[in-house]
């Protein structure tokens, strides 16, 4: 099973936020993408275990990075 984590930049707080619909309770923030990815790798398995989510022998977490920009005319 794959778990998808979305990373969003918060301009107001000046941080990246990681959230997942697949991993209950996963909401983290960090100053850089590298730092936040490492935090997610550490916290996600614990969050899945705490929430008693179905677990496969080797769960994978899919990191998909998309960049969306506002275009001003």
PDB file of N, CA and C in Angstrom:
ATOM      1  N   UNK A   1       0.844  -1.189   0.000  1.00  0.00           N
ATOM      2  CA  UNK A   1       0.000   0.000   0.000  1.00  0.00           C
ATOM      3  C   UNK A   1       0.878   1.237   0.000  1.00  0.00           C
ATOM      4  N   UNK A   2       0.468   2.231  -0.749  1.00  0.00           N
ATOM      5  CA  UNK A   2       1.181   3.507  -0.766  1.00  0.00           C
ATOM      6  C   UNK A   2       0.434   4.515   0.088  1.00  0.00           C
ATOM      7  N   UNK A   3       1.185   5.362   0.735  1.00  0.00           N
ATOM      8  CA  UNK A   3       0.629   6.459   1.516  1.00  0.00           C
ATOM      9  C   UNK A   3       1.107   7.748   0.872  1.00  0.00           C
ATOM     10  N   UNK A   4       0.180   8.607   0.510  1.00  0.00           N
ATOM     11  CA  UNK A   4       0.528   9.858  -0.155  1.00  0.00           C
ATOM     12  C   UNK A   4       0.550  10.983   0.868  1.00  0.00           C
ATOM     13  N   UNK A   5       1.617  11.776   0.821  1.00  0.00           N
ATOM     14  CA  UNK A   5       1.786  12.918   1.713  1.00  0.00           C
ATOM     15  C   UNK A   5       1.881  14.167   0.851  1.00  0.00           C
ATOM     16  N   UNK A   6       1.074  15.174   1.174  1.00  0.00           N
ATOM     17  CA  UNK A   6       1.105  16.435   0.444  1.00  0.00           C
ATOM     18  C   UNK A   6       1.935  17.455   1.225  1.00  0.00           C
ATOM     19  N   UNK A   7       2.761  18.190   0.498  1.00  0.00           N
ATOM     20  CA  UNK A   7       3.570  19.251   1.085  1.00  0.00           C
ATOM     21  C   UNK A   7       3.084  20.584   0.533  1.00  0.00           C
ATOM     22  N   UNK A   8       2.775  21.516   1.418  1.00  0.00           N
ATOM     23  CA  UNK A   8       2.248  22.813   1.025  1.00  0.00           C
ATOM     24  C   UNK A   8       3.053  23.909   1.698  1.00  0.00           C
ATOM     25  N   UNK A   9       3.378  24.955   0.937  1.00  0.00           N
ATOM     26  CA  UNK A   9       4.092  26.087   1.497  1.00  0.00           C
ATOM     27  C   UNK A   9       3.090  27.066   2.106  1.00  0.00           C
ATOM     28  N   UNK A  10       3.322  27.478   3.343  1.00  0.00           N
ATOM     29  CA  UNK A  10       2.484  28.460   4.025  1.00  0.00           C
ATOM     30  C   UNK A  10       3.248  29.781   4.047  1.00  0.00           C
ATOM     31  N   UNK A  11       2.829  30.713   3.181  1.00  0.00           N
ATOM     32  CA  UNK A  11       3.504  32.013   3.082  1.00  0.00           C
ATOM     33  C   UNK A  11       3.470  32.783   4.390  1.00  0.00           C
ATOM     34  N   UNK A  12       2.334  32.726   5.056  1.00  0.00           N
ATOM     35  CA  UNK A  12       2.160  33.501   6.287  1.00  0.00           C
ATOM     36  C   UNK A  12       3.099  33.032   7.400  1.00  0.00           C
ATOM     37  N   UNK A  13       3.213  31.715   7.558  1.00  0.00           N
ATOM     38  CA  UNK A  13       4.063  31.167   8.613  1.00  0.00           C
ATOM     39  C   UNK A  13       5.499  30.930   8.134  1.00  0.00           C
ATOM     40  N   UNK A  14       5.721  31.010   6.823  1.00  0.00           N
ATOM     41  CA  UNK A  14       7.035  30.822   6.216  1.00  0.00           C
ATOM     42  C   UNK A  14       7.586  29.413   6.491  1.00  0.00           C
ATOM     43  N   UNK A  15       6.715  28.389   6.358  1.00  0.00           N
ATOM     44  CA  UNK A  15       7.107  26.993   6.563  1.00  0.00           C
ATOM     45  C   UNK A  15       6.397  26.090   5.561  1.00  0.00           C
ATOM     46  N   UNK A  16       6.952  24.907   5.386  1.00  0.00           N
ATOM     47  CA  UNK A  16       6.282  23.853   4.630  1.00  0.00           C
ATOM     48  C   UNK A  16       5.430  23.043   5.595  1.00  0.00           C
ATOM     49  N   UNK A  17       4.279  22.589   5.120  1.00  0.00           N
ATOM     50  CA  UNK A  17       3.389  21.772   5.937  1.00  0.00           C
ATOM     51  C   UNK A  17       3.175  20.449   5.219  1.00  0.00           C
ATOM     52  N   UNK A  18       3.310  19.353   5.957  1.00  0.00           N
ATOM     53  CA  UNK A  18       3.060  18.010   5.423  1.00  0.00           C
ATOM     54  C   UNK A  18       1.770  17.489   6.031  1.00  0.00           C
ATOM     55  N   UNK A  19       0.877  17.002   5.167  1.00  0.00           N
ATOM     56  CA  UNK A  19      -0.391  16.431   5.609  1.00  0.00           C
ATOM     57  C   UNK A  19      -0.699  15.215   4.747  1.00  0.00           C
ATOM     58  N   UNK A  20      -1.510  14.322   5.279  1.00  0.00           N
ATOM     59  CA  UNK A  20      -1.892  13.147   4.513  1.00  0.00           C
ATOM     60  C   UNK A  20      -3.300  12.723   4.861  1.00  0.00           C
ATOM     61  N   UNK A  21      -4.091  12.452   3.824  1.00  0.00           N
ATOM     62  CA  UNK A  21      -5.420  11.879   4.034  1.00  0.00           C
ATOM     63  C   UNK A  21      -5.306  10.392   4.354  1.00  0.00           C
ATOM     64  N   UNK A  22      -4.180   9.789   3.972  1.00  0.00           N
ATOM     65  CA  UNK A  22      -3.961   8.357   4.153  1.00  0.00           C
ATOM     66  C   UNK A  22      -3.399   7.990   5.524  1.00  0.00           C
ATOM     67  N   UNK A  23      -2.783   8.967   6.200  1.00  0.00           N
ATOM     68  CA  UNK A  23      -2.149   8.715   7.497  1.00  0.00           C
ATOM     69  C   UNK A  23      -2.830   9.610   8.530  1.00  0.00           C
ATOM     70  N   UNK A  24      -3.795   9.082   9.277  1.00  0.00           N
ATOM     71  CA  UNK A  24      -4.546   9.894  10.232  1.00  0.00           C
ATOM     72  C   UNK A  24      -3.635  10.615  11.223  1.00  0.00           C
ATOM     73  N   UNK A  25      -3.897  11.897  11.397  1.00  0.00           N
ATOM     74  CA  UNK A  25      -3.164  12.682  12.385  1.00  0.00           C
ATOM     75  C   UNK A  25      -1.835  13.229  11.925  1.00  0.00           C
ATOM     76  N   UNK A  26      -1.417  12.920  10.705  1.00  0.00           N
ATOM     77  CA  UNK A  26      -0.116  13.399  10.233  1.00  0.00           C
ATOM     78  C   UNK A  26      -0.219  14.845   9.782  1.00  0.00           C
ATOM     79  N   UNK A  27       0.316  15.737  10.573  1.00  0.00           N
ATOM     80  CA  UNK A  27       0.436  17.148  10.229  1.00  0.00           C
ATOM     81  C   UNK A  27       1.748  17.624  10.840  1.00  0.00           C
ATOM     82  N   UNK A  28       2.705  17.945   9.977  1.00  0.00           N
ATOM     83  CA  UNK A  28       4.021  18.380  10.426  1.00  0.00           C
ATOM     84  C   UNK A  28       4.413  19.640   9.676  1.00  0.00           C
ATOM     85  N   UNK A  29       5.347  20.385  10.238  1.00  0.00           N
ATOM     86  CA  UNK A  29       5.868  21.547   9.522  1.00  0.00           C
ATOM     87  C   UNK A  29       7.380  21.583   9.651  1.00  0.00           C
ATOM     88  N   UNK A  30       7.996  22.238   8.669  1.00  0.00           N
ATOM     89  CA  UNK A  30       9.449  22.345   8.666  1.00  0.00           C
ATOM     90  C   UNK A  30       9.898  23.478   7.770  1.00  0.00           C
ATOM     91  N   UNK A  31      11.137  23.884   7.943  1.00  0.00           N
ATOM     92  CA  UNK A  31      11.675  25.010   7.188  1.00  0.00           C
ATOM     93  C   UNK A  31      12.186  24.654   5.808  1.00  0.00           C
ATOM     94  N   UNK A  32      12.470  23.358   5.569  1.00  0.00           N
ATOM     95  CA  UNK A  32      12.949  22.936   4.248  1.00  0.00           C
ATOM     96  C   UNK A  32      12.309  21.603   3.884  1.00  0.00           C
ATOM     97  N   UNK A  33      12.291  21.312   2.594  1.00  0.00           N
ATOM     98  CA  UNK A  33      11.698  20.061   2.128  1.00  0.00           C
ATOM     99  C   UNK A  33      12.482  18.862   2.657  1.00  0.00           C
ATOM    100  N   UNK A  34      13.800  18.926   2.621  1.00  0.00           N
ATOM    101  CA  UNK A  34      14.620  17.813   3.109  1.00  0.00           C
ATOM    102  C   UNK A  34      14.334  17.502   4.576  1.00  0.00           C
ATOM    103  N   UNK A  35      14.275  18.528   5.384  1.00  0.00           N
ATOM    104  CA  UNK A  35      14.005  18.354   6.812  1.00  0.00           C
ATOM    105  C   UNK A  35      12.629  17.749   7.032  1.00  0.00           C
ATOM    106  N   UNK A  36      11.656  18.253   6.303  1.00  0.00           N
ATOM    107  CA  UNK A  36      10.285  17.775   6.482  1.00  0.00           C
ATOM    108  C   UNK A  36      10.116  16.336   6.004  1.00  0.00           C
ATOM    109  N   UNK A  37      10.763  15.970   4.914  1.00  0.00           N
ATOM    110  CA  UNK A  37      10.690  14.591   4.428  1.00  0.00           C
ATOM    111  C   UNK A  37      11.260  13.636   5.479  1.00  0.00           C
ATOM    112  N   UNK A  38      12.373  13.999   6.085  1.00  0.00           N
ATOM    113  CA  UNK A  38      12.960  13.152   7.128  1.00  0.00           C
ATOM    114  C   UNK A  38      12.026  13.014   8.328  1.00  0.00           C
ATOM    115  N   UNK A  39      11.373  14.105   8.714  1.00  0.00           N
ATOM    116  CA  UNK A  39      10.425  14.049   9.830  1.00  0.00           C
ATOM    117  C   UNK A  39       9.258  13.133   9.498  1.00  0.00           C
ATOM    118  N   UNK A  40       8.752  13.219   8.259  1.00  0.00           N
ATOM    119  CA  UNK A  40       7.637  12.365   7.840  1.00  0.00           C
ATOM    120  C   UNK A  40       8.065  10.899   7.862  1.00  0.00           C
ATOM    121  N   UNK A  41       9.268  10.604   7.385  1.00  0.00           N
ATOM    122  CA  UNK A  41       9.761   9.226   7.379  1.00  0.00           C
ATOM    123  C   UNK A  41       9.826   8.649   8.790  1.00  0.00           C
ATOM    124  N   UNK A  42      10.119   9.474   9.748  1.00  0.00           N
ATOM    125  CA  UNK A  42      10.216   9.026  11.130  1.00  0.00           C
ATOM    126  C   UNK A  42       8.839   8.891  11.783  1.00  0.00           C
ATOM    127  N   UNK A  43       7.967   9.873  11.548  1.00  0.00           N
ATOM    128  CA  UNK A  43       6.680   9.954  12.251  1.00  0.00           C
ATOM    129  C   UNK A  43       5.590   9.097  11.612  1.00  0.00           C
ATOM    130  N   UNK A  44       5.579   8.958  10.298  1.00  0.00           N
ATOM    131  CA  UNK A  44       4.489   8.255   9.607  1.00  0.00           C
ATOM    132  C   UNK A  44       4.282   6.827  10.110  1.00  0.00           C
ATOM    133  N   UNK A  45       5.320   6.006  10.217  1.00  0.00           N
ATOM    134  CA  UNK A  45       5.083   4.638  10.713  1.00  0.00           C
ATOM    135  C   UNK A  45       4.513   4.614  12.135  1.00  0.00           C
ATOM    136  N   UNK A  46       4.981   5.526  12.976  1.00  0.00           N
ATOM    137  CA  UNK A  46       4.447   5.598  14.346  1.00  0.00           C
ATOM    138  C   UNK A  46       2.979   5.994  14.334  1.00  0.00           C
ATOM    139  N   UNK A  47       2.633   6.961  13.477  1.00  0.00           N
ATOM    140  CA  UNK A  47       1.245   7.413  13.379  1.00  0.00           C
ATOM    141  C   UNK A  47       0.341   6.287  12.885  1.00  0.00           C
ATOM    142  N   UNK A  48       0.810   5.521  11.908  1.00  0.00           N
ATOM    143  CA  UNK A  48       0.027   4.384  11.408  1.00  0.00           C
ATOM    144  C   UNK A  48      -0.186   3.350  12.505  1.00  0.00           C
ATOM    145  N   UNK A  49       0.850   3.077  13.267  1.00  0.00           N
ATOM    146  CA  UNK A  49       0.757   2.100  14.350  1.00  0.00           C
ATOM    147  C   UNK A  49      -0.197   2.580  15.442  1.00  0.00           C
ATOM    148  N   UNK A  50      -0.077   3.849  15.824  1.00  0.00           N
ATOM    149  CA  UNK A  50      -0.942   4.396  16.874  1.00  0.00           C
ATOM    150  C   UNK A  50      -2.405   4.398  16.472  1.00  0.00           C
ATOM    151  N   UNK A  51      -2.660   4.592  15.195  1.00  0.00           N
ATOM    152  CA  UNK A  51      -4.038   4.635  14.703  1.00  0.00           C
ATOM    153  C   UNK A  51      -4.536   3.273  14.259  1.00  0.00           C
ATOM    154  N   UNK A  52      -3.728   2.237  14.495  1.00  0.00           N
ATOM    155  CA  UNK A  52      -4.098   0.860  14.163  1.00  0.00           C
ATOM    156  C   UNK A  52      -4.541   0.719  12.710  1.00  0.00           C
ATOM    157  N   UNK A  53      -3.856   1.454  11.827  1.00  0.00           N
ATOM    158  CA  UNK A  53      -4.136   1.367  10.401  1.00  0.00           C
ATOM    159  C   UNK A  53      -3.567   0.059   9.873  1.00  0.00           C
ATOM    160  N   UNK A  54      -4.234  -0.533   8.877  1.00  0.00           N
ATOM    161  CA  UNK A  54      -3.717  -1.762   8.282  1.00  0.00           C
ATOM    162  C   UNK A  54      -2.265  -1.557   7.891  1.00  0.00           C
ATOM    163  N   UNK A  55      -1.452  -2.528   8.216  1.00  0.00           N
ATOM    164  CA  UNK A  55      -0.030  -2.406   7.949  1.00  0.00           C
ATOM    165  C   UNK A  55       0.437  -3.575   7.096  1.00  0.00           C
ATOM    166  N   UNK A  56       1.166  -3.252   6.053  1.00  0.00           N
ATOM    167  CA  UNK A  56       1.755  -4.304   5.232  1.00  0.00           C
ATOM    168  C   UNK A  56       3.154  -4.577   5.767  1.00  0.00           C
ATOM    169  N   UNK A  57       3.761  -5.701   5.382  1.00  0.00           N
ATOM    170  CA  UNK A  57       5.099  -6.008   5.892  1.00  0.00           C
ATOM    171  C   UNK A  57       6.113  -4.904   5.641  1.00  0.00           C
ATOM    172  N   UNK A  58       6.039  -4.236   4.508  1.00  0.00           N
ATOM    173  CA  UNK A  58       6.966  -3.134   4.242  1.00  0.00           C
ATOM    174  C   UNK A  58       6.195  -1.980   3.601  1.00  0.00           C
ATOM    175  N   UNK A  59       5.518  -1.165   4.426  1.00  0.00           N
ATOM    176  CA  UNK A  59       4.733  -0.071   3.866  1.00  0.00           C
ATOM    177  C   UNK A  59       5.642   0.926   3.158  1.00  0.00           C
ATOM    178  N   UNK A  60       5.127   1.508   2.099  1.00  0.00           N
ATOM    179  CA  UNK A  60       5.901   2.528   1.394  1.00  0.00           C
ATOM    180  C   UNK A  60       5.159   3.847   1.487  1.00  0.00           C
ATOM    181  N   UNK A  61       5.930   4.890   1.565  1.00  0.00           N
ATOM    182  CA  UNK A  61       5.357   6.232   1.589  1.00  0.00           C
ATOM    183  C   UNK A  61       5.791   6.910   0.308  1.00  0.00           C
ATOM    184  N   UNK A  62       4.836   7.375  -0.459  1.00  0.00           N
ATOM    185  CA  UNK A  62       5.107   8.001  -1.743  1.00  0.00           C
ATOM    186  C   UNK A  62       5.222   9.510  -1.556  1.00  0.00           C
ATOM    187  N   UNK A  63       6.361  10.054  -1.935  1.00  0.00           N
ATOM    188  CA  UNK A  63       6.543  11.504  -1.883  1.00  0.00           C
ATOM    189  C   UNK A  63       6.413  12.045  -3.289  1.00  0.00           C
ATOM    190  N   UNK A  64       5.392  12.840  -3.511  1.00  0.00           N
ATOM    191  CA  UNK A  64       5.191  13.457  -4.815  1.00  0.00           C
ATOM    192  C   UNK A  64       5.280  14.958  -4.605  1.00  0.00           C
ATOM    193  N   UNK A  65       6.203  15.573  -5.281  1.00  0.00           N
ATOM    194  CA  UNK A  65       6.400  17.012  -5.133  1.00  0.00           C
ATOM    195  C   UNK A  65       5.822  17.697  -6.354  1.00  0.00           C
ATOM    196  N   UNK A  66       4.870  18.580  -6.116  1.00  0.00           N
ATOM    197  CA  UNK A  66       4.272  19.362  -7.187  1.00  0.00           C
ATOM    198  C   UNK A  66       4.413  20.825  -6.835  1.00  0.00           C
ATOM    199  N   UNK A  67       4.645  21.621  -7.827  1.00  0.00           N
ATOM    200  CA  UNK A  67       4.768  23.053  -7.589  1.00  0.00           C
ATOM    201  C   UNK A  67       3.617  23.747  -8.298  1.00  0.00           C
ATOM    202  N   UNK A  68       2.859  24.499  -7.545  1.00  0.00           N
ATOM    203  CA  UNK A  68       1.740  25.259  -8.091  1.00  0.00           C
ATOM    204  C   UNK A  68       1.985  26.731  -7.805  1.00  0.00           C
ATOM    205  N   UNK A  69       1.936  27.518  -8.845  1.00  0.00           N
ATOM    206  CA  UNK A  69       2.169  28.952  -8.675  1.00  0.00           C
ATOM    207  C   UNK A  69       0.959  29.724  -9.161  1.00  0.00           C
ATOM    208  N   UNK A  70       0.718  30.838  -8.508  1.00  0.00           N
ATOM    209  CA  UNK A  70      -0.340  31.731  -8.954  1.00  0.00           C
ATOM    210  C   UNK A  70       0.214  32.572 -10.104  1.00  0.00           C
ATOM    211  N   UNK A  71      -0.569  32.684 -11.144  1.00  0.00           N
ATOM    212  CA  UNK A  71      -0.156  33.498 -12.295  1.00  0.00           C
ATOM    213  C   UNK A  71      -0.984  34.767 -12.260  1.00  0.00           C
ATOM    214  N   UNK A  72      -0.290  35.878 -12.220  1.00  0.00           N
ATOM    215  CA  UNK A  72      -0.978  37.168 -12.199  1.00  0.00           C
ATOM    216  C   UNK A  72      -0.849  37.820 -13.568  1.00  0.00           C
ATOM    217  N   UNK A  73      -1.975  38.244 -14.105  1.00  0.00           N
ATOM    218  CA  UNK A  73      -1.972  38.863 -15.436  1.00  0.00           C
ATOM    219  C   UNK A  73      -1.742  40.348 -15.347  1.00  0.00           C
TER     220      UNK A  73
END
